[in-house]
C-alpha cells in the first residue's frame, strides 16, 4: 500500500482533487449554456422578458437555466480550491474574493432555480418574475461577482513569478469577458451580447477551467507527495512546474 509522505493534510489534497474534477465538468457546462442560449436566440435574450422566453422556448430556456444552476453549484465546490491556490500569497484577498464567489454562485442558484421552474402562466408580463427579477439581474450574480473573484485571482497571481503568464492573461481575459457580457445584457445590443456571451461560453470559460483543472491536479499530486509548498501559510518557493503549465 502506498504511504503518504506529505505533511499536507489529506483534506487539502482532497480539496484540490475535487477542484480538478469539478473544473472539467464546468468547462463542458459553459458549452451547454452557449448552445442553449443560441437555441433560445441571442436577440430574444437581449429583448424579451421571462414571459416570452418561457412561453416560446421552454425546453432551451430551461436547459440554459439548469446549466447555470449546476455550474453555480459546482462553483461552490471549486471555490475552496481556488482560494487555496492564492491564500499563501494574500490571505485577505483570498477570503474577500471567495466571499464574492459564494455570493455570485448562491444568487445564480436561487435566481435560475426560480426561473427554471416557472411556467408561462407564472411568467406573464405583469408577474413578479419580470417586474422584480429581470434576466440581466440574474446574470449579474455570476458575471459580476464571480468575475470580480477572477480579477482578484489574476491580480494576486500576477505578483507571483511562479504562475505562468499565459494563465494569468487568460484569467484577465475571462474576468473581462464576464463583465463585458453583463454590460451587453444591460445595453440589450444583440451584437454586443453575442460577442460577450459567446466569448464567455465558448472561449474563456471552457479554456480557463480546463487549464486550472490541470493546475489543481498537479498541485494535489505534488502536495500528496510532499513536493509542493503547503496550501496555507509561509513556505519555501515551490519547485518549477508546480503550477501545471501545459
C-alpha atoms as a PDB file:
ATOM      1  CA  UNK A   1       0.000   0.000   0.000  1.00  0.00           C
ATOM      2  CA  UNK A   2       1.282   3.416  -0.935  1.00  0.00           C
ATOM      3  CA  UNK A   3       2.101   5.546   2.093  1.00  0.00           C
ATOM      4  CA  UNK A   4       1.679   9.302   2.257  1.00  0.00           C
ATOM      5  CA  UNK A   5       4.972  11.123   2.503  1.00  0.00           C
ATOM      6  CA  UNK A   6       3.439  14.600   2.625  1.00  0.00           C
ATOM      7  CA  UNK A   7       2.809  16.761   5.670  1.00  0.00           C
ATOM      8  CA  UNK A   8      -0.141  18.363   3.855  1.00  0.00           C
ATOM      9  CA  UNK A   9      -3.481  17.479   5.453  1.00  0.00           C
ATOM     10  CA  UNK A  10      -5.468  14.951   3.487  1.00  0.00           C
ATOM     11  CA  UNK A  11      -8.371  17.416   3.377  1.00  0.00           C
ATOM     12  CA  UNK A  12      -6.253  19.949   1.464  1.00  0.00           C
ATOM     13  CA  UNK A  13      -5.240  17.358  -1.095  1.00  0.00           C
ATOM     14  CA  UNK A  14      -8.896  16.350  -1.421  1.00  0.00           C
ATOM     15  CA  UNK A  15      -9.959  19.966  -1.963  1.00  0.00           C
ATOM     16  CA  UNK A  16      -7.560  20.298  -4.890  1.00  0.00           C
ATOM     17  CA  UNK A  17      -8.539  16.926  -6.308  1.00  0.00           C
ATOM     18  CA  UNK A  18     -12.207  17.889  -6.161  1.00  0.00           C
ATOM     19  CA  UNK A  19     -11.371  21.199  -7.815  1.00  0.00           C
ATOM     20  CA  UNK A  20      -9.734  19.408 -10.744  1.00  0.00           C
ATOM     21  CA  UNK A  21     -12.723  17.113 -11.269  1.00  0.00           C
ATOM     22  CA  UNK A  22     -15.306  19.886 -10.937  1.00  0.00           C
ATOM     23  CA  UNK A  23     -13.447  22.235 -13.278  1.00  0.00           C
ATOM     24  CA  UNK A  24     -13.618  19.779 -16.162  1.00  0.00           C
ATOM     25  CA  UNK A  25     -17.393  19.463 -15.726  1.00  0.00           C
ATOM     26  CA  UNK A  26     -17.745  23.231 -15.587  1.00  0.00           C
ATOM     27  CA  UNK A  27     -15.853  23.631 -18.855  1.00  0.00           C
ATOM     28  CA  UNK A  28     -18.447  21.408 -20.539  1.00  0.00           C
ATOM     29  CA  UNK A  29     -21.340  23.281 -18.910  1.00  0.00           C
ATOM     30  CA  UNK A  30     -20.128  26.558 -20.404  1.00  0.00           C
ATOM     31  CA  UNK A  31     -20.607  24.994 -23.826  1.00  0.00           C
ATOM     32  CA  UNK A  32     -24.081  23.736 -22.887  1.00  0.00           C
ATOM     33  CA  UNK A  33     -25.070  27.237 -21.777  1.00  0.00           C
ATOM     34  CA  UNK A  34     -23.754  28.713 -25.007  1.00  0.00           C
ATOM     35  CA  UNK A  35     -25.603  26.238 -27.218  1.00  0.00           C
ATOM     36  CA  UNK A  36     -28.828  26.671 -25.227  1.00  0.00           C
ATOM     37  CA  UNK A  37     -28.559  30.451 -25.496  1.00  0.00           C
ATOM     38  CA  UNK A  38     -28.200  30.164 -29.272  1.00  0.00           C
ATOM     39  CA  UNK A  39     -31.226  27.872 -29.350  1.00  0.00           C
ATOM     40  CA  UNK A  40     -33.262  30.417 -27.394  1.00  0.00           C
ATOM     41  CA  UNK A  41     -31.978  33.200 -29.634  1.00  0.00           C
ATOM     42  CA  UNK A  42     -29.455  35.813 -28.589  1.00  0.00           C
ATOM     43  CA  UNK A  43     -31.672  38.594 -29.908  1.00  0.00           C
ATOM     44  CA  UNK A  44     -34.527  37.353 -27.718  1.00  0.00           C
ATOM     45  CA  UNK A  45     -32.282  37.112 -24.662  1.00  0.00           C
ATOM     46  CA  UNK A  46     -31.438  40.762 -25.235  1.00  0.00           C
ATOM     47  CA  UNK A  47     -35.004  41.982 -25.791  1.00  0.00           C
ATOM     48  CA  UNK A  48     -37.596  39.562 -24.363  1.00  0.00           C
ATOM     49  CA  UNK A  49     -38.754  39.052 -20.804  1.00  0.00           C
ATOM     50  CA  UNK A  50     -39.367  35.796 -18.966  1.00  0.00           C
ATOM     51  CA  UNK A  51     -42.911  35.565 -20.259  1.00  0.00           C
ATOM     52  CA  UNK A  52     -41.765  35.298 -23.861  1.00  0.00           C
ATOM     53  CA  UNK A  53     -38.729  33.121 -23.154  1.00  0.00           C
ATOM     54  CA  UNK A  54     -40.637  30.586 -21.060  1.00  0.00           C
ATOM     55  CA  UNK A  55     -43.614  30.502 -23.407  1.00  0.00           C
ATOM     56  CA  UNK A  56     -41.813  30.349 -26.764  1.00  0.00           C
ATOM     57  CA  UNK A  57     -38.627  28.370 -25.999  1.00  0.00           C
ATOM     58  CA  UNK A  58     -39.438  26.398 -22.846  1.00  0.00           C
ATOM     59  CA  UNK A  59     -37.039  23.484 -23.405  1.00  0.00           C
ATOM     60  CA  UNK A  60     -33.984  25.506 -24.457  1.00  0.00           C
ATOM     61  CA  UNK A  61     -34.622  28.140 -21.796  1.00  0.00           C
ATOM     62  CA  UNK A  62     -34.903  25.545 -19.031  1.00  0.00           C
ATOM     63  CA  UNK A  63     -31.747  23.781 -20.239  1.00  0.00           C
ATOM     64  CA  UNK A  64     -29.906  27.100 -20.080  1.00  0.00           C
ATOM     65  CA  UNK A  65     -31.269  27.817 -16.587  1.00  0.00           C
ATOM     66  CA  UNK A  66     -30.467  24.285 -15.387  1.00  0.00           C
ATOM     67  CA  UNK A  67     -26.904  24.511 -16.688  1.00  0.00           C
ATOM     68  CA  UNK A  68     -26.451  27.880 -14.965  1.00  0.00           C
ATOM     69  CA  UNK A  69     -27.715  26.407 -11.684  1.00  0.00           C
ATOM     70  CA  UNK A  70     -25.420  23.387 -11.988  1.00  0.00           C
ATOM     71  CA  UNK A  71     -22.362  25.429 -12.913  1.00  0.00           C
ATOM     72  CA  UNK A  72     -23.004  27.622  -9.860  1.00  0.00           C
ATOM     73  CA  UNK A  73     -23.436  24.604  -7.564  1.00  0.00           C
ATOM     74  CA  UNK A  74     -20.122  23.278  -8.831  1.00  0.00           C
ATOM     75  CA  UNK A  75     -18.706  26.774  -8.402  1.00  0.00           C
ATOM     76  CA  UNK A  76     -19.484  26.493  -4.695  1.00  0.00           C
ATOM     77  CA  UNK A  77     -17.479  23.264  -4.655  1.00  0.00           C
ATOM     78  CA  UNK A  78     -14.494  24.670  -6.543  1.00  0.00           C
ATOM     79  CA  UNK A  79     -14.143  27.953  -4.631  1.00  0.00           C
ATOM     80  CA  UNK A  80     -12.194  26.433  -1.686  1.00  0.00           C
ATOM     81  CA  UNK A  81      -9.632  25.028  -4.131  1.00  0.00           C
ATOM     82  CA  UNK A  82      -9.339  28.369  -5.937  1.00  0.00           C
ATOM     83  CA  UNK A  83      -8.926  30.137  -2.604  1.00  0.00           C
ATOM     84  CA  UNK A  84      -6.271  27.644  -1.521  1.00  0.00           C
ATOM     85  CA  UNK A  85      -4.126  28.472  -4.549  1.00  0.00           C
ATOM     86  CA  UNK A  86      -3.766  32.180  -3.736  1.00  0.00           C
ATOM     87  CA  UNK A  87      -4.209  32.225   0.042  1.00  0.00           C
ATOM     88  CA  UNK A  88      -0.488  31.734   0.807  1.00  0.00           C
ATOM     89  CA  UNK A  89       0.238  34.886  -1.219  1.00  0.00           C
ATOM     90  CA  UNK A  90      -2.565  37.094   0.071  1.00  0.00           C
ATOM     91  CA  UNK A  91      -4.932  35.658   2.659  1.00  0.00           C
ATOM     92  CA  UNK A  92      -7.039  38.824   2.861  1.00  0.00           C
ATOM     93  CA  UNK A  93      -7.803  38.978  -0.850  1.00  0.00           C
ATOM     94  CA  UNK A  94      -8.387  35.218  -0.875  1.00  0.00           C
ATOM     95  CA  UNK A  95     -11.043  35.445   1.833  1.00  0.00           C
ATOM     96  CA  UNK A  96     -12.733  38.519   0.353  1.00  0.00           C
ATOM     97  CA  UNK A  97     -12.705  37.143  -3.175  1.00  0.00           C
ATOM     98  CA  UNK A  98     -14.049  33.770  -2.080  1.00  0.00           C
ATOM     99  CA  UNK A  99     -16.926  35.565  -0.316  1.00  0.00           C
ATOM    100  CA  UNK A 100     -17.762  37.338  -3.594  1.00  0.00           C
ATOM    101  CA  UNK A 101     -17.678  33.999  -5.392  1.00  0.00           C
ATOM    102  CA  UNK A 102     -20.059  32.411  -2.880  1.00  0.00           C
ATOM    103  CA  UNK A 103     -22.410  35.391  -3.222  1.00  0.00           C
ATOM    104  CA  UNK A 104     -22.353  35.134  -7.003  1.00  0.00           C
ATOM    105  CA  UNK A 105     -22.886  31.382  -7.114  1.00  0.00           C
ATOM    106  CA  UNK A 106     -25.581  31.470  -4.440  1.00  0.00           C
ATOM    107  CA  UNK A 107     -27.509  34.229  -6.209  1.00  0.00           C
ATOM    108  CA  UNK A 108     -27.285  32.344  -9.501  1.00  0.00           C
ATOM    109  CA  UNK A 109     -28.638  29.159  -7.921  1.00  0.00           C
ATOM    110  CA  UNK A 110     -31.592  30.966  -6.346  1.00  0.00           C
ATOM    111  CA  UNK A 111     -32.467  33.086  -9.366  1.00  0.00           C
ATOM    112  CA  UNK A 112     -32.270  30.490 -12.093  1.00  0.00           C
ATOM    113  CA  UNK A 113     -33.879  27.758  -9.999  1.00  0.00           C
ATOM    114  CA  UNK A 114     -36.844  30.085  -9.696  1.00  0.00           C
ATOM    115  CA  UNK A 115     -36.775  30.820 -13.416  1.00  0.00           C
ATOM    116  CA  UNK A 116     -36.339  27.174 -14.412  1.00  0.00           C
ATOM    117  CA  UNK A 117     -39.460  26.002 -12.585  1.00  0.00           C
ATOM    118  CA  UNK A 118     -41.667  28.896 -13.615  1.00  0.00           C
ATOM    119  CA  UNK A 119     -44.466  28.349 -16.117  1.00  0.00           C
ATOM    120  CA  UNK A 120     -45.819  30.619 -18.868  1.00  0.00           C
ATOM    121  CA  UNK A 121     -48.745  31.445 -16.563  1.00  0.00           C
ATOM    122  CA  UNK A 122     -46.371  32.324 -13.690  1.00  0.00           C
ATOM    123  CA  UNK A 123     -44.220  34.433 -16.019  1.00  0.00           C
ATOM    124  CA  UNK A 124     -46.921  36.645 -17.502  1.00  0.00           C
ATOM    125  CA  UNK A 125     -45.823  40.182 -18.419  1.00  0.00           C
ATOM    126  CA  UNK A 126     -47.056  41.635 -15.109  1.00  0.00           C
ATOM    127  CA  UNK A 127     -45.696  38.905 -12.854  1.00  0.00           C
ATOM    128  CA  UNK A 128     -43.160  39.454 -10.104  1.00  0.00           C
ATOM    129  CA  UNK A 129     -40.613  37.379 -12.052  1.00  0.00           C
ATOM    130  CA  UNK A 130     -40.476  40.058 -14.750  1.00  0.00           C
ATOM    131  CA  UNK A 131     -41.021  43.075 -12.509  1.00  0.00           C
ATOM    132  CA  UNK A 132     -38.555  42.424  -9.704  1.00  0.00           C
ATOM    133  CA  UNK A 133     -36.137  39.952 -11.272  1.00  0.00           C
ATOM    134  CA  UNK A 134     -35.336  40.739 -14.906  1.00  0.00           C
ATOM    135  CA  UNK A 135     -32.905  38.411 -16.650  1.00  0.00           C
ATOM    136  CA  UNK A 136     -29.966  40.827 -16.566  1.00  0.00           C
ATOM    137  CA  UNK A 137     -30.053  40.948 -12.773  1.00  0.00           C
ATOM    138  CA  UNK A 138     -29.967  37.177 -12.631  1.00  0.00           C
ATOM    139  CA  UNK A 139     -26.904  37.214 -14.856  1.00  0.00           C
ATOM    140  CA  UNK A 140     -25.330  39.815 -12.578  1.00  0.00           C
ATOM    141  CA  UNK A 141     -24.602  37.288  -9.828  1.00  0.00           C
ATOM    142  CA  UNK A 142     -22.362  35.026 -11.894  1.00  0.00           C
ATOM    143  CA  UNK A 143     -20.939  37.561 -14.306  1.00  0.00           C
ATOM    144  CA  UNK A 144     -20.219  40.454 -11.921  1.00  0.00           C
ATOM    145  CA  UNK A 145     -19.417  38.822  -8.576  1.00  0.00           C
ATOM    146  CA  UNK A 146     -17.639  35.732  -9.892  1.00  0.00           C
ATOM    147  CA  UNK A 147     -15.951  37.921 -12.476  1.00  0.00           C
ATOM    148  CA  UNK A 148     -14.622  40.076  -9.620  1.00  0.00           C
ATOM    149  CA  UNK A 149     -13.267  36.938  -7.933  1.00  0.00           C
ATOM    150  CA  UNK A 150     -11.367  36.017 -11.089  1.00  0.00           C
ATOM    151  CA  UNK A 151      -9.991  39.574 -11.247  1.00  0.00           C
ATOM    152  CA  UNK A 152      -8.710  39.151  -7.676  1.00  0.00           C
ATOM    153  CA  UNK A 153      -7.118  35.815  -8.507  1.00  0.00           C
ATOM    154  CA  UNK A 154      -5.425  37.322 -11.556  1.00  0.00           C
ATOM    155  CA  UNK A 155      -4.140  40.273  -9.522  1.00  0.00           C
ATOM    156  CA  UNK A 156      -2.633  38.056  -6.839  1.00  0.00           C
ATOM    157  CA  UNK A 157      -1.131  35.637  -9.370  1.00  0.00           C
ATOM    158  CA  UNK A 158       0.360  38.499 -11.384  1.00  0.00           C
ATOM    159  CA  UNK A 159       2.619  39.329  -8.455  1.00  0.00           C
ATOM    160  CA  UNK A 160       3.893  35.748  -8.186  1.00  0.00           C
ATOM    161  CA  UNK A 161       6.575  34.679 -10.706  1.00  0.00           C
ATOM    162  CA  UNK A 162       5.675  31.016 -10.204  1.00  0.00           C
ATOM    163  CA  UNK A 163       2.382  31.427 -12.068  1.00  0.00           C
ATOM    164  CA  UNK A 164       2.527  31.003 -15.855  1.00  0.00           C
ATOM    165  CA  UNK A 165       1.993  34.254 -17.712  1.00  0.00           C
ATOM    166  CA  UNK A 166      -0.422  32.562 -20.082  1.00  0.00           C
ATOM    167  CA  UNK A 167      -2.767  31.525 -17.294  1.00  0.00           C
ATOM    168  CA  UNK A 168      -2.665  34.983 -15.713  1.00  0.00           C
ATOM    169  CA  UNK A 169      -3.559  36.548 -19.072  1.00  0.00           C
ATOM    170  CA  UNK A 170      -6.323  34.008 -19.591  1.00  0.00           C
ATOM    171  CA  UNK A 171      -7.695  34.868 -16.139  1.00  0.00           C
ATOM    172  CA  UNK A 172      -7.739  38.557 -17.081  1.00  0.00           C
ATOM    173  CA  UNK A 173      -9.462  37.686 -20.357  1.00  0.00           C
ATOM    174  CA  UNK A 174     -12.081  35.592 -18.522  1.00  0.00           C
ATOM    175  CA  UNK A 175     -12.839  38.322 -15.987  1.00  0.00           C
ATOM    176  CA  UNK A 176     -13.048  40.925 -18.754  1.00  0.00           C
ATOM    177  CA  UNK A 177     -15.404  38.771 -20.821  1.00  0.00           C
ATOM    178  CA  UNK A 178     -17.660  38.190 -17.778  1.00  0.00           C
ATOM    179  CA  UNK A 179     -18.082  41.916 -17.189  1.00  0.00           C
ATOM    180  CA  UNK A 180     -18.421  42.586 -20.914  1.00  0.00           C
ATOM    181  CA  UNK A 181     -21.245  40.037 -21.136  1.00  0.00           C
ATOM    182  CA  UNK A 182     -23.073  41.702 -18.237  1.00  0.00           C
ATOM    183  CA  UNK A 183     -22.767  45.114 -19.903  1.00  0.00           C
ATOM    184  CA  UNK A 184     -24.170  43.522 -23.040  1.00  0.00           C
ATOM    185  CA  UNK A 185     -27.238  42.313 -21.098  1.00  0.00           C
ATOM    186  CA  UNK A 186     -27.690  45.815 -19.689  1.00  0.00           C
ATOM    187  CA  UNK A 187     -27.453  47.551 -23.063  1.00  0.00           C
ATOM    188  CA  UNK A 188     -29.586  44.978 -24.887  1.00  0.00           C
ATOM    189  CA  UNK A 189     -27.434  45.251 -28.017  1.00  0.00           C
ATOM    190  CA  UNK A 190     -27.650  41.911 -29.817  1.00  0.00           C
ATOM    191  CA  UNK A 191     -24.200  42.090 -31.412  1.00  0.00           C
ATOM    192  CA  UNK A 192     -22.618  43.039 -28.078  1.00  0.00           C
ATOM    193  CA  UNK A 193     -24.400  40.199 -26.277  1.00  0.00           C
ATOM    194  CA  UNK A 194     -23.371  37.725 -28.978  1.00  0.00           C
ATOM    195  CA  UNK A 195     -19.748  38.833 -28.613  1.00  0.00           C
ATOM    196  CA  UNK A 196     -19.707  38.892 -24.803  1.00  0.00           C
ATOM    197  CA  UNK A 197     -21.719  35.757 -24.090  1.00  0.00           C
ATOM    198  CA  UNK A 198     -20.066  33.888 -26.960  1.00  0.00           C
ATOM    199  CA  UNK A 199     -16.607  34.689 -25.630  1.00  0.00           C
ATOM    200  CA  UNK A 200     -17.550  33.554 -22.110  1.00  0.00           C
ATOM    201  CA  UNK A 201     -19.293  30.315 -23.068  1.00  0.00           C
ATOM    202  CA  UNK A 202     -17.179  29.120 -25.978  1.00  0.00           C
ATOM    203  CA  UNK A 203     -13.693  30.527 -25.303  1.00  0.00           C
ATOM    204  CA  UNK A 204     -12.597  31.942 -21.946  1.00  0.00           C
ATOM    205  CA  UNK A 205     -14.875  29.888 -19.687  1.00  0.00           C
ATOM    206  CA  UNK A 206     -14.007  26.412 -21.011  1.00  0.00           C
ATOM    207  CA  UNK A 207     -10.322  27.230 -21.579  1.00  0.00           C
ATOM    208  CA  UNK A 208      -9.814  28.676 -18.099  1.00  0.00           C
ATOM    209  CA  UNK A 209     -11.439  25.744 -16.343  1.00  0.00           C
ATOM    210  CA  UNK A 210      -9.545  23.143 -18.336  1.00  0.00           C
ATOM    211  CA  UNK A 211      -6.268  24.875 -17.530  1.00  0.00           C
ATOM    212  CA  UNK A 212      -6.953  25.336 -13.823  1.00  0.00           C
ATOM    213  CA  UNK A 213      -8.059  21.689 -13.648  1.00  0.00           C
ATOM    214  CA  UNK A 214      -4.523  20.741 -14.660  1.00  0.00           C
ATOM    215  CA  UNK A 215      -3.128  23.118 -12.046  1.00  0.00           C
ATOM    216  CA  UNK A 216      -5.318  21.584  -9.344  1.00  0.00           C
ATOM    217  CA  UNK A 217      -4.377  18.075 -10.419  1.00  0.00           C
ATOM    218  CA  UNK A 218      -0.640  18.768 -10.464  1.00  0.00           C
ATOM    219  CA  UNK A 219      -0.745  20.677  -7.194  1.00  0.00           C
ATOM    220  CA  UNK A 220      -2.730  17.928  -5.458  1.00  0.00           C
ATOM    221  CA  UNK A 221      -0.247  15.319  -6.651  1.00  0.00           C
ATOM    222  CA  UNK A 222       2.735  17.384  -5.527  1.00  0.00           C
ATOM    223  CA  UNK A 223       1.177  18.114  -2.145  1.00  0.00           C
ATOM    224  CA  UNK A 224       0.370  14.435  -1.639  1.00  0.00           C
ATOM    225  CA  UNK A 225       3.976  13.516  -2.458  1.00  0.00           C
ATOM    226  CA  UNK A 226       5.440  16.298  -0.349  1.00  0.00           C
ATOM    227  CA  UNK A 227       6.856  18.131  -3.361  1.00  0.00           C
ATOM    228  CA  UNK A 228       4.973  21.396  -3.136  1.00  0.00           C
ATOM    229  CA  UNK A 229       4.599  24.177  -0.600  1.00  0.00           C
ATOM    230  CA  UNK A 230       1.697  23.967   1.879  1.00  0.00           C
ATOM    231  CA  UNK A 231      -1.580  25.464   0.714  1.00  0.00           C
ATOM    232  CA  UNK A 232      -1.678  27.902   3.598  1.00  0.00           C
ATOM    233  CA  UNK A 233       0.996  29.747   5.476  1.00  0.00           C
ATOM    234  CA  UNK A 234       4.551  30.727   4.691  1.00  0.00           C
ATOM    235  CA  UNK A 235       6.782  28.278   2.915  1.00  0.00           C
ATOM    236  CA  UNK A 236       9.753  27.908   0.670  1.00  0.00           C
ATOM    237  CA  UNK A 237       9.303  28.701  -3.038  1.00  0.00           C
ATOM    238  CA  UNK A 238       7.746  25.765  -4.947  1.00  0.00           C
ATOM    239  CA  UNK A 239       9.631  23.644  -7.357  1.00  0.00           C
ATOM    240  CA  UNK A 240       9.499  24.513 -11.035  1.00  0.00           C
ATOM    241  CA  UNK A 241       6.437  23.168 -12.762  1.00  0.00           C
ATOM    242  CA  UNK A 242       4.139  23.061  -9.732  1.00  0.00           C
ATOM    243  CA  UNK A 243       1.647  25.367 -11.430  1.00  0.00           C
ATOM    244  CA  UNK A 244       0.621  22.893 -14.093  1.00  0.00           C
ATOM    245  CA  UNK A 245       1.874  24.867 -17.089  1.00  0.00           C
ATOM    246  CA  UNK A 246       0.819  22.917 -20.225  1.00  0.00           C
END
